[in-house]
Amino acid sequence: MVALSNVQFGKRNEDVRTVQKALIKRGHKLPDGATGFFGEQTKAAYRAEQRKQGFRGTDADGIPGPTSLSTLGRLTGFSVNGASAPTAPKGRLGLAQVTFRDPGNESGDPAMRRYARKACELTGMDPKFGVPALATIAKRESASNHPKFRVNRTDSNAHGPRAADGLPLNCSRGATQCVPTTFAHHHQAGTATTPYDVVACMCATVNYVRDRYDVNQSGSNFAARVQQADPNRAPHWY
C-alpha cells in the first residue's frame, strides 16, 4: 500500500522506493536506482510515465496525482491509499439552472483572499494552499474581479446564444473565469447559481482542478499542478 501523500518531491521513504521500482519496471531510467528519495531523477522518470499514460503539457509535470499513481500501481502491482479520483460535487447543476446576475462582489486582492478562504471552507481545501492559489488565478484571470474583466468576450469560446446578461453563453465569467458549462458541472452545493458570485466561482474552480488536474484534497499540489495558480511561474490558461 502506497500513500499518495508520501510520494511527493523531496520526500524519502519506502513508498517512494516502491514507486521507483515500479517506474524502473515500466522501463524508465533512474540512474541511482530505487534509493527511496524523490529527487529530480524520480521526477523526470515520473514525468515520462505520465506521458506514457497519455498526460500532456502541464499535466505531465512529474508530480504524482491520484489518477496517474493509481494507474501505475495497477500496472505494476501496488495499491494506493488516498488516491481516489474526486467525484462530481453533489451541487452539480443543469446548464439551464445557471443564472447570470452579477451580485457586485468586491474586487481587489484582499477581497479575493477572503472569498477564497470561504471557498476553501466549503470545498474542504486547506486555506494555506487554496487561498494563495485561488487569489493568484483571480488576479490573472479577472484582475481580482475588476468589473471590466469579469467576462472574457475575446476568447475562442466566446460564442453561443445570448444568455440572460446579454452576452454569448459560452463566455467565461467571474473572478476565476468559469465557462457556464464547467461552472454547472462543478458547482458546489450551497453556493450561488451564478458564476459572477466569487465564492461560487472559486468553489467550481476547486472542484474543476481536482477533477481535471488531479489536485489533491488539501490542495498541497495546487500550484504545482495548475501553472495559472503559481505566482512563481508565468501565467498560463487552465
Foldseek 3Di string as FASTA:
>chain_A
DAELVQCFAAHADVSQLVLQVLLVVVPFDDPVHSRRHRYPSQLVSQLVQCVVVPDDDLLSRSRDFLVSVQVSCVVRPHHYDQSDQDDAAPQAADLVLAAADQPPQDFDLVSQLVLQVVLCVLLVAASVQRSLLRSLLLCVQAVRLDVVRQWDCPDPQQADDQHPVRGHQQIFGASNGHGSNLLNRRFGPPDDRYRSPHNRVSNSVVSVCCNPRRQHSHNPCVCSRQVSSPPVHDHDDD
